Every structure is written in structure tokens, then in C-alpha cells.
PDB file of N, CA and C in Angstrom:
ATOM      1  N   UNK A   1      56.190  -9.217 -12.120  1.00  0.00           N
ATOM      2  CA  UNK A   1      56.102  -9.085 -10.680  1.00  0.00           C
ATOM      3  C   UNK A   1      54.642  -8.737 -10.285  1.00  0.00           C
ATOM      4  N   UNK A   2      54.035  -7.843 -11.016  1.00  0.00           N
ATOM      5  CA  UNK A   2      52.700  -7.433 -10.688  1.00  0.00           C
ATOM      6  C   UNK A   2      51.686  -8.599 -10.843  1.00  0.00           C
ATOM      7  N   UNK A   3      51.929  -9.426 -11.856  1.00  0.00           N
ATOM      8  CA  UNK A   3      51.056 -10.581 -12.066  1.00  0.00           C
ATOM      9  C   UNK A   3      51.171 -11.553 -10.891  1.00  0.00           C
ATOM     10  N   UNK A   4      52.351 -11.730 -10.367  1.00  0.00           N
ATOM     11  CA  UNK A   4      52.565 -12.645  -9.256  1.00  0.00           C
ATOM     12  C   UNK A   4      51.882 -12.113  -8.008  1.00  0.00           C
ATOM     13  N   UNK A   5      51.979 -10.836  -7.767  1.00  0.00           N
ATOM     14  CA  UNK A   5      51.289 -10.248  -6.601  1.00  0.00           C
ATOM     15  C   UNK A   5      49.788 -10.352  -6.719  1.00  0.00           C
ATOM     16  N   UNK A   6      49.283 -10.110  -7.925  1.00  0.00           N
ATOM     17  CA  UNK A   6      47.831 -10.236  -8.162  1.00  0.00           C
ATOM     18  C   UNK A   6      47.368 -11.680  -7.933  1.00  0.00           C
ATOM     19  N   UNK A   7      48.139 -12.637  -8.456  1.00  0.00           N
ATOM     20  CA  UNK A   7      47.811 -14.030  -8.280  1.00  0.00           C
ATOM     21  C   UNK A   7      47.823 -14.407  -6.797  1.00  0.00           C
ATOM     22  N   UNK A   8      48.833 -13.943  -6.077  1.00  0.00           N
ATOM     23  CA  UNK A   8      48.919 -14.258  -4.630  1.00  0.00           C
ATOM     24  C   UNK A   8      47.750 -13.641  -3.887  1.00  0.00           C
ATOM     25  N   UNK A   9      47.369 -12.418  -4.216  1.00  0.00           N
ATOM     26  CA  UNK A   9      46.217 -11.769  -3.572  1.00  0.00           C
ATOM     27  C   UNK A   9      44.947 -12.524  -3.881  1.00  0.00           C
ATOM     28  N   UNK A  10      44.813 -12.981  -5.116  1.00  0.00           N
ATOM     29  CA  UNK A  10      43.619 -13.737  -5.509  1.00  0.00           C
ATOM     30  C   UNK A  10      43.513 -15.045  -4.737  1.00  0.00           C
ATOM     31  N   UNK A  11      44.637 -15.738  -4.571  1.00  0.00           N
ATOM     32  CA  UNK A  11      44.629 -16.995  -3.836  1.00  0.00           C
ATOM     33  C   UNK A  11      44.271 -16.797  -2.367  1.00  0.00           C
ATOM     34  N   UNK A  12      44.810 -15.743  -1.777  1.00  0.00           N
ATOM     35  CA  UNK A  12      44.521 -15.435  -0.362  1.00  0.00           C
ATOM     36  C   UNK A  12      43.029 -15.076  -0.238  1.00  0.00           C
ATOM     37  N   UNK A  13      42.499 -14.283  -1.154  1.00  0.00           N
ATOM     38  CA  UNK A  13      41.113 -13.896  -1.099  1.00  0.00           C
ATOM     39  C   UNK A  13      40.197 -15.117  -1.275  1.00  0.00           C
ATOM     40  N   UNK A  14      40.543 -16.001  -2.169  1.00  0.00           N
ATOM     41  CA  UNK A  14      39.736 -17.225  -2.375  1.00  0.00           C
ATOM     42  C   UNK A  14      39.765 -18.101  -1.131  1.00  0.00           C
ATOM     43  N   UNK A  15      40.914 -18.263  -0.533  1.00  0.00           N
ATOM     44  CA  UNK A  15      41.035 -19.049   0.718  1.00  0.00           C
ATOM     45  C   UNK A  15      40.182 -18.437   1.795  1.00  0.00           C
ATOM     46  N   UNK A  16      40.253 -17.101   1.964  1.00  0.00           N
ATOM     47  CA  UNK A  16      39.509 -16.421   3.023  1.00  0.00           C
ATOM     48  C   UNK A  16      38.014 -16.585   2.777  1.00  0.00           C
ATOM     49  N   UNK A  17      37.567 -16.441   1.546  1.00  0.00           N
ATOM     50  CA  UNK A  17      36.149 -16.563   1.235  1.00  0.00           C
ATOM     51  C   UNK A  17      35.624 -17.950   1.560  1.00  0.00           C
ATOM     52  N   UNK A  18      36.338 -18.965   1.144  1.00  0.00           N
ATOM     53  CA  UNK A  18      35.882 -20.345   1.408  1.00  0.00           C
ATOM     54  C   UNK A  18      35.878 -20.666   2.898  1.00  0.00           C
ATOM     55  N   UNK A  19      36.840 -20.113   3.607  1.00  0.00           N
ATOM     56  CA  UNK A  19      36.899 -20.345   5.055  1.00  0.00           C
ATOM     57  C   UNK A  19      35.757 -19.661   5.776  1.00  0.00           C
ATOM     58  N   UNK A  20      35.486 -18.398   5.463  1.00  0.00           N
ATOM     59  CA  UNK A  20      34.395 -17.707   6.115  1.00  0.00           C
ATOM     60  C   UNK A  20      33.024 -18.187   5.660  1.00  0.00           C
ATOM     61  N   UNK A  21      32.919 -18.687   4.449  1.00  0.00           N
ATOM     62  CA  UNK A  21      31.665 -19.188   3.972  1.00  0.00           C
ATOM     63  C   UNK A  21      31.245 -20.410   4.752  1.00  0.00           C
ATOM     64  N   UNK A  22      32.210 -21.257   5.159  1.00  0.00           N
ATOM     65  CA  UNK A  22      31.925 -22.428   5.926  1.00  0.00           C
ATOM     66  C   UNK A  22      31.518 -22.058   7.373  1.00  0.00           C
ATOM     67  N   UNK A  23      32.156 -21.055   7.928  1.00  0.00           N
ATOM     68  CA  UNK A  23      31.900 -20.635   9.288  1.00  0.00           C
ATOM     69  C   UNK A  23      30.533 -19.930   9.393  1.00  0.00           C
ATOM     70  N   UNK A  24      30.231 -19.094   8.436  1.00  0.00           N
ATOM     71  CA  UNK A  24      29.012 -18.266   8.506  1.00  0.00           C
ATOM     72  C   UNK A  24      27.855 -18.857   7.720  1.00  0.00           C
ATOM     73  N   UNK A  25      27.855 -20.151   7.483  1.00  0.00           N
ATOM     74  CA  UNK A  25      26.762 -20.793   6.741  1.00  0.00           C
ATOM     75  C   UNK A  25      25.471 -20.673   7.503  1.00  0.00           C
ATOM     76  N   UNK A  26      24.449 -20.155   6.866  1.00  0.00           N
ATOM     77  CA  UNK A  26      23.152 -19.988   7.551  1.00  0.00           C
ATOM     78  C   UNK A  26      22.525 -21.324   7.841  1.00  0.00           C
ATOM     79  N   UNK A  27      21.684 -21.364   8.868  1.00  0.00           N
ATOM     80  CA  UNK A  27      20.984 -22.612   9.212  1.00  0.00           C
ATOM     81  C   UNK A  27      19.495 -22.340   9.325  1.00  0.00           C
ATOM     82  N   UNK A  28      18.718 -23.433   9.329  1.00  0.00           N
ATOM     83  CA  UNK A  28      17.286 -23.320   9.400  1.00  0.00           C
ATOM     84  C   UNK A  28      16.752 -24.539  10.147  1.00  0.00           C
ATOM     85  N   UNK A  29      15.758 -24.349  10.925  1.00  0.00           N
ATOM     86  CA  UNK A  29      15.110 -25.456  11.615  1.00  0.00           C
ATOM     87  C   UNK A  29      14.227 -26.235  10.681  1.00  0.00           C
ATOM     88  N   UNK A  30      14.017 -27.504  10.961  1.00  0.00           N
ATOM     89  CA  UNK A  30      13.237 -28.373  10.070  1.00  0.00           C
ATOM     90  C   UNK A  30      11.806 -27.882   9.912  1.00  0.00           C
ATOM     91  N   UNK A  31      11.178 -27.432  10.995  1.00  0.00           N
ATOM     92  CA  UNK A  31       9.771 -26.987  10.879  1.00  0.00           C
ATOM     93  C   UNK A  31       9.651 -25.752  10.032  1.00  0.00           C
ATOM     94  N   UNK A  32      10.627 -24.840  10.157  1.00  0.00           N
ATOM     95  CA  UNK A  32      10.635 -23.642   9.316  1.00  0.00           C
ATOM     96  C   UNK A  32      10.831 -23.994   7.846  1.00  0.00           C
ATOM     97  N   UNK A  33      11.722 -24.966   7.573  1.00  0.00           N
ATOM     98  CA  UNK A  33      11.998 -25.432   6.218  1.00  0.00           C
ATOM     99  C   UNK A  33      10.746 -26.044   5.615  1.00  0.00           C
ATOM    100  N   UNK A  34      10.056 -26.863   6.423  1.00  0.00           N
ATOM    101  CA  UNK A  34       8.812 -27.508   5.908  1.00  0.00           C
ATOM    102  C   UNK A  34       7.745 -26.471   5.579  1.00  0.00           C
ATOM    103  N   UNK A  35       7.581 -25.476   6.453  1.00  0.00           N
ATOM    104  CA  UNK A  35       6.601 -24.409   6.213  1.00  0.00           C
ATOM    105  C   UNK A  35       6.934 -23.658   4.935  1.00  0.00           C
ATOM    106  N   UNK A  36       8.200 -23.324   4.754  1.00  0.00           N
ATOM    107  CA  UNK A  36       8.623 -22.583   3.566  1.00  0.00           C
ATOM    108  C   UNK A  36       8.355 -23.380   2.294  1.00  0.00           C
ATOM    109  N   UNK A  37       8.620 -24.691   2.337  1.00  0.00           N
ATOM    110  CA  UNK A  37       8.401 -25.510   1.156  1.00  0.00           C
ATOM    111  C   UNK A  37       6.939 -25.903   0.986  1.00  0.00           C
ATOM    112  N   UNK A  38       6.133 -25.700   2.020  1.00  0.00           N
ATOM    113  CA  UNK A  38       4.709 -26.054   1.958  1.00  0.00           C
ATOM    114  C   UNK A  38       4.446 -27.537   2.059  1.00  0.00           C
ATOM    115  N   UNK A  39       5.268 -28.233   2.832  1.00  0.00           N
ATOM    116  CA  UNK A  39       5.138 -29.684   2.995  1.00  0.00           C
ATOM    117  C   UNK A  39       5.062 -30.022   4.457  1.00  0.00           C
ATOM    118  N   UNK A  40       4.740 -31.294   4.757  1.00  0.00           N
ATOM    119  CA  UNK A  40       4.678 -31.729   6.181  1.00  0.00           C
ATOM    120  C   UNK A  40       6.103 -31.912   6.704  1.00  0.00           C
ATOM    121  N   UNK A  41       6.197 -31.900   7.990  1.00  0.00           N
ATOM    122  CA  UNK A  41       7.505 -32.036   8.680  1.00  0.00           C
ATOM    123  C   UNK A  41       8.102 -33.410   8.458  1.00  0.00           C
ATOM    124  N   UNK A  42       7.301 -34.416   8.145  1.00  0.00           N
ATOM    125  CA  UNK A  42       7.814 -35.756   7.935  1.00  0.00           C
ATOM    126  C   UNK A  42       7.775 -36.175   6.467  1.00  0.00           C
ATOM    127  N   UNK A  43       7.884 -35.201   5.563  1.00  0.00           N
ATOM    128  CA  UNK A  43       7.831 -35.513   4.118  1.00  0.00           C
ATOM    129  C   UNK A  43       8.998 -36.352   3.699  1.00  0.00           C
ATOM    130  N   UNK A  44       8.796 -37.172   2.663  1.00  0.00           N
ATOM    131  CA  UNK A  44       9.886 -37.997   2.121  1.00  0.00           C
ATOM    132  C   UNK A  44      10.665 -37.192   1.070  1.00  0.00           C
ATOM    133  N   UNK A  45      11.709 -37.855   0.549  1.00  0.00           N
ATOM    134  CA  UNK A  45      12.612 -37.177  -0.413  1.00  0.00           C
ATOM    135  C   UNK A  45      11.887 -36.736  -1.685  1.00  0.00           C
ATOM    136  N   UNK A  46      10.974 -37.553  -2.195  1.00  0.00           N
ATOM    137  CA  UNK A  46      10.254 -37.203  -3.410  1.00  0.00           C
ATOM    138  C   UNK A  46       9.384 -35.969  -3.191  1.00  0.00           C
ATOM    139  N   UNK A  47       8.704 -35.886  -2.057  1.00  0.00           N
ATOM    140  CA  UNK A  47       7.856 -34.750  -1.772  1.00  0.00           C
ATOM    141  C   UNK A  47       8.707 -33.465  -1.609  1.00  0.00           C
ATOM    142  N   UNK A  48       9.854 -33.599  -0.965  1.00  0.00           N
ATOM    143  CA  UNK A  48      10.728 -32.435  -0.768  1.00  0.00           C
ATOM    144  C   UNK A  48      11.215 -31.930  -2.110  1.00  0.00           C
ATOM    145  N   UNK A  49      11.684 -32.835  -2.941  1.00  0.00           N
ATOM    146  CA  UNK A  49      12.186 -32.425  -4.264  1.00  0.00           C
ATOM    147  C   UNK A  49      11.118 -31.809  -5.151  1.00  0.00           C
ATOM    148  N   UNK A  50       9.901 -32.368  -5.090  1.00  0.00           N
ATOM    149  CA  UNK A  50       8.819 -31.828  -5.915  1.00  0.00           C
ATOM    150  C   UNK A  50       8.406 -30.426  -5.474  1.00  0.00           C
ATOM    151  N   UNK A  51       8.314 -30.240  -4.148  1.00  0.00           N
ATOM    152  CA  UNK A  51       7.983 -28.938  -3.623  1.00  0.00           C
ATOM    153  C   UNK A  51       9.103 -27.916  -3.950  1.00  0.00           C
ATOM    154  N   UNK A  52      10.324 -28.362  -3.863  1.00  0.00           N
ATOM    155  CA  UNK A  52      11.453 -27.468  -4.190  1.00  0.00           C
ATOM    156  C   UNK A  52      11.384 -27.039  -5.672  1.00  0.00           C
ATOM    157  N   UNK A  53      11.180 -27.990  -6.570  1.00  0.00           N
ATOM    158  CA  UNK A  53      11.152 -27.666  -8.011  1.00  0.00           C
ATOM    159  C   UNK A  53       9.972 -26.701  -8.317  1.00  0.00           C
ATOM    160  N   UNK A  54       8.857 -26.942  -7.680  1.00  0.00           N
ATOM    161  CA  UNK A  54       7.665 -26.088  -7.933  1.00  0.00           C
ATOM    162  C   UNK A  54       7.963 -24.634  -7.491  1.00  0.00           C
ATOM    163  N   UNK A  55       8.578 -24.498  -6.332  1.00  0.00           N
ATOM    164  CA  UNK A  55       8.805 -23.150  -5.798  1.00  0.00           C
ATOM    165  C   UNK A  55       9.961 -22.460  -6.524  1.00  0.00           C
ATOM    166  N   UNK A  56      11.054 -23.162  -6.740  1.00  0.00           N
ATOM    167  CA  UNK A  56      12.223 -22.524  -7.320  1.00  0.00           C
ATOM    168  C   UNK A  56      11.951 -22.038  -8.767  1.00  0.00           C
ATOM    169  N   UNK A  57      11.042 -22.701  -9.468  1.00  0.00           N
ATOM    170  CA  UNK A  57      10.687 -22.296 -10.799  1.00  0.00           C
ATOM    171  C   UNK A  57      10.047 -20.922 -10.800  1.00  0.00           C
ATOM    172  N   UNK A  58       9.363 -20.582  -9.702  1.00  0.00           N
ATOM    173  CA  UNK A  58       8.703 -19.251  -9.585  1.00  0.00           C
ATOM    174  C   UNK A  58       9.599 -18.165  -9.085  1.00  0.00           C
ATOM    175  N   UNK A  59      10.525 -18.511  -8.193  1.00  0.00           N
ATOM    176  CA  UNK A  59      11.293 -17.444  -7.507  1.00  0.00           C
ATOM    177  C   UNK A  59      12.734 -17.339  -7.944  1.00  0.00           C
ATOM    178  N   UNK A  60      13.165 -18.165  -8.861  1.00  0.00           N
ATOM    179  CA  UNK A  60      14.576 -18.112  -9.268  1.00  0.00           C
ATOM    180  C   UNK A  60      14.859 -16.769  -9.968  1.00  0.00           C
ATOM    181  N   UNK A  61      16.043 -16.190  -9.683  1.00  0.00           N
ATOM    182  CA  UNK A  61      16.384 -14.907 -10.291  1.00  0.00           C
ATOM    183  C   UNK A  61      16.392 -14.908 -11.829  1.00  0.00           C
ATOM    184  N   UNK A  62      16.723 -16.001 -12.427  1.00  0.00           N
ATOM    185  CA  UNK A  62      16.699 -16.105 -13.883  1.00  0.00           C
ATOM    186  C   UNK A  62      15.261 -16.011 -14.440  1.00  0.00           C
ATOM    187  N   UNK A  63      14.284 -16.316 -13.612  1.00  0.00           N
ATOM    188  CA  UNK A  63      12.906 -16.239 -14.033  1.00  0.00           C
ATOM    189  C   UNK A  63      12.268 -14.939 -13.545  1.00  0.00           C
ATOM    190  N   UNK A  64      13.077 -13.963 -13.120  1.00  0.00           N
ATOM    191  CA  UNK A  64      12.567 -12.689 -12.680  1.00  0.00           C
ATOM    192  C   UNK A  64      12.217 -12.678 -11.172  1.00  0.00           C
ATOM    193  N   UNK A  65      12.683 -13.680 -10.460  1.00  0.00           N
ATOM    194  CA  UNK A  65      12.399 -13.761  -9.018  1.00  0.00           C
ATOM    195  C   UNK A  65      13.429 -13.104  -8.152  1.00  0.00           C
ATOM    196  N   UNK A  66      13.388 -13.470  -6.886  1.00  0.00           N
ATOM    197  CA  UNK A  66      14.211 -12.832  -5.874  1.00  0.00           C
ATOM    198  C   UNK A  66      15.341 -13.774  -5.456  1.00  0.00           C
ATOM    199  N   UNK A  67      16.584 -13.283  -5.528  1.00  0.00           N
ATOM    200  CA  UNK A  67      17.749 -14.126  -5.178  1.00  0.00           C
ATOM    201  C   UNK A  67      17.755 -14.538  -3.708  1.00  0.00           C
ATOM    202  N   UNK A  68      17.343 -13.630  -2.826  1.00  0.00           N
ATOM    203  CA  UNK A  68      17.312 -13.994  -1.395  1.00  0.00           C
ATOM    204  C   UNK A  68      16.303 -15.098  -1.094  1.00  0.00           C
ATOM    205  N   UNK A  69      15.123 -15.000  -1.688  1.00  0.00           N
ATOM    206  CA  UNK A  69      14.121 -16.040  -1.493  1.00  0.00           C
ATOM    207  C   UNK A  69      14.563 -17.364  -2.082  1.00  0.00           C
ATOM    208  N   UNK A  70      15.212 -17.335  -3.240  1.00  0.00           N
ATOM    209  CA  UNK A  70      15.706 -18.550  -3.843  1.00  0.00           C
ATOM    210  C   UNK A  70      16.762 -19.215  -2.949  1.00  0.00           C
ATOM    211  N   UNK A  71      17.616 -18.381  -2.348  1.00  0.00           N
ATOM    212  CA  UNK A  71      18.626 -18.927  -1.414  1.00  0.00           C
ATOM    213  C   UNK A  71      17.949 -19.582  -0.191  1.00  0.00           C
ATOM    214  N   UNK A  72      16.904 -18.959   0.316  1.00  0.00           N
ATOM    215  CA  UNK A  72      16.189 -19.556   1.444  1.00  0.00           C
ATOM    216  C   UNK A  72      15.502 -20.866   1.067  1.00  0.00           C
ATOM    217  N   UNK A  73      14.966 -20.953  -0.143  1.00  0.00           N
ATOM    218  CA  UNK A  73      14.360 -22.192  -0.598  1.00  0.00           C
ATOM    219  C   UNK A  73      15.392 -23.272  -0.770  1.00  0.00           C
ATOM    220  N   UNK A  74      16.563 -22.915  -1.279  1.00  0.00           N
ATOM    221  CA  UNK A  74      17.652 -23.865  -1.383  1.00  0.00           C
ATOM    222  C   UNK A  74      18.070 -24.384   0.015  1.00  0.00           C
ATOM    223  N   UNK A  75      18.161 -23.467   0.969  1.00  0.00           N
ATOM    224  CA  UNK A  75      18.532 -23.847   2.317  1.00  0.00           C
ATOM    225  C   UNK A  75      17.429 -24.752   2.949  1.00  0.00           C
ATOM    226  N   UNK A  76      16.187 -24.433   2.677  1.00  0.00           N
ATOM    227  CA  UNK A  76      15.093 -25.270   3.209  1.00  0.00           C
ATOM    228  C   UNK A  76      15.186 -26.704   2.651  1.00  0.00           C
ATOM    229  N   UNK A  77      15.393 -26.801   1.346  1.00  0.00           N
ATOM    230  CA  UNK A  77      15.538 -28.132   0.736  1.00  0.00           C
ATOM    231  C   UNK A  77      16.714 -28.869   1.342  1.00  0.00           C
ATOM    232  N   UNK A  78      17.869 -28.204   1.455  1.00  0.00           N
ATOM    233  CA  UNK A  78      19.074 -28.818   1.996  1.00  0.00           C
ATOM    234  C   UNK A  78      18.846 -29.270   3.454  1.00  0.00           C
ATOM    235  N   UNK A  79      18.140 -28.481   4.216  1.00  0.00           N
ATOM    236  CA  UNK A  79      17.851 -28.792   5.609  1.00  0.00           C
ATOM    237  C   UNK A  79      16.990 -30.059   5.668  1.00  0.00           C
ATOM    238  N   UNK A  80      15.938 -30.085   4.890  1.00  0.00           N
ATOM    239  CA  UNK A  80      15.034 -31.227   4.912  1.00  0.00           C
ATOM    240  C   UNK A  80      15.741 -32.514   4.477  1.00  0.00           C
ATOM    241  N   UNK A  81      16.507 -32.414   3.401  1.00  0.00           N
ATOM    242  CA  UNK A  81      17.201 -33.618   2.878  1.00  0.00           C
ATOM    243  C   UNK A  81      18.301 -34.065   3.829  1.00  0.00           C
ATOM    244  N   UNK A  82      18.979 -33.148   4.419  1.00  0.00           N
ATOM    245  CA  UNK A  82      20.070 -33.513   5.365  1.00  0.00           C
ATOM    246  C   UNK A  82      19.514 -34.248   6.550  1.00  0.00           C
ATOM    247  N   UNK A  83      18.430 -33.791   7.075  1.00  0.00           N
ATOM    248  CA  UNK A  83      17.849 -34.468   8.247  1.00  0.00           C
ATOM    249  C   UNK A  83      17.192 -35.792   7.907  1.00  0.00           C
ATOM    250  N   UNK A  84      16.893 -36.060   6.654  1.00  0.00           N
ATOM    251  CA  UNK A  84      16.397 -37.343   6.232  1.00  0.00           C
ATOM    252  C   UNK A  84      17.522 -38.392   6.335  1.00  0.00           C
ATOM    253  N   UNK A  85      18.735 -37.986   6.008  1.00  0.00           N
ATOM    254  CA  UNK A  85      19.871 -38.910   5.993  1.00  0.00           C
ATOM    255  C   UNK A  85      20.408 -39.221   7.364  1.00  0.00           C
ATOM    256  N   UNK A  86      20.073 -38.403   8.378  1.00  0.00           N
ATOM    257  CA  UNK A  86      20.592 -38.644   9.725  1.00  0.00           C
ATOM    258  C   UNK A  86      19.912 -39.813  10.395  1.00  0.00           C
TER     259      UNK A  86
END
């Protein structure tokens, strides 16, 4: 019985987390993303990916960097790439 309750609580928690993660997803403007990556506002996909790789290698938590800054760099890359596809 305890295992069933634990499993049910886990499922509800996972559902809640995925739901709130979608609602509270941070956003960034394209010009801010370009500044953070150190590229021009009209950069192509290759330039975006190269700038991302260069920066993330320095700031990734596994390399002794900062998790918050790595998350912002990921968001900047995603913002730039998403707006290329539109």
C-alpha cells in the first residue's frame, strides 16, 4: 500500500513539474541573446552554434563554471535558433 501511495505521489509531482516548467519557461529577446553569445543579430546557424560551443565549454558546471550562466547561454542559443526557423 505504501509503495502505491509513493508511486501515485511521484506521478502527480512529475505531472505538476512538467506543467509548471512549460508555463514558467524563461524567455529572452533576440538582441540580448546575440549580445550574450557575442555575435551579430543576423548571425546564421553555423555562427550561433560556434559561439555557443565556445562559451559553454568555459562556463559549463562540469568544467567548474556557473550553472545559471550555462542556462542563460542555452536559452540564448535556443532563442537565436528558434527565430531563424520562423
